[in-house]
Amino acid sequence: MLCNFPDYWAFKMYQKTILILLLNTALLYGQSFKLHPMAKSALIPGWGESAQGKYLRARVFRLSELFLWTSCILANTFSRYERSNYVSFASEHAGISPKGKTHQYWVDVGNYQNITLFNEEHLRFREPGDIYNTGAGYDWAWDTDSNRKKFENMRINSDGLAKTGEFLIGAIVLNHIVSAIDALYLVRLQRIQSINFNPVLHQNGYLGFNMNINFIVLK
């Protein structure tokens, strides 16, 4: 069963807003406040790269962040729009009162022509705990089977968009992680003072190379 995506979306937006507010407060009032480039990119992808003068890399991460958030907002918006449509459609063609219904209820409504057929099948399968009580506000009866199938397609589209939004949230988190790792890589790369390759002749006659990497030790 899918989670309530609007609530999930609001929670993620709340988290990001709090992080940004905390960061801005620290920047405004912390006189000696200094963030490591890795931490900067973890908060805002591309920030750590930009702080090190890598503006092209920073732009890639920023554009990725913008694209992912825009796609996530659109997926969520269209999912809610499609849900509103299928709820209204079911109310009109199956006589459903939509208030207080779970996602599983809408799945069941799309799979069965009416509440009687649903309850009879679950009783045959010895699943009495899954049946709906008639007259308790859960009754439905589709006027035509074609309308039931149309409703089911609308619900599947809405759920697919909601699931896409969830995957995009994961992609946004991944973008932050990758940008943070990239910023850390750039920091360590700048500490390399020199790289030397020295030829070595082994006793067995094979020629090899030794690689020496000198790092700058920061105090």
Foldseek 3Di string as FASTA:
>chain_A
DDDPLVVVVVVLVVVLVVLVVVVVVCVVPPPPDDDALLVVLLNPNLSLCVVVVNNVNSVVLNVLLVVLVVLLVVLLVVLVVLVVVLVVLQCVFWVADPPPDDPVLLVVQLVDQWLVVVCVVCVVVVNNVPHDDPPPRSTTHGPDNVSSPVSNVSNVSSVVSSVVSVVSSVVSSVSSNVSSVVSVVVVQVVQWPDKDWDWDQDPVGDIDIDIDTDGHDDD
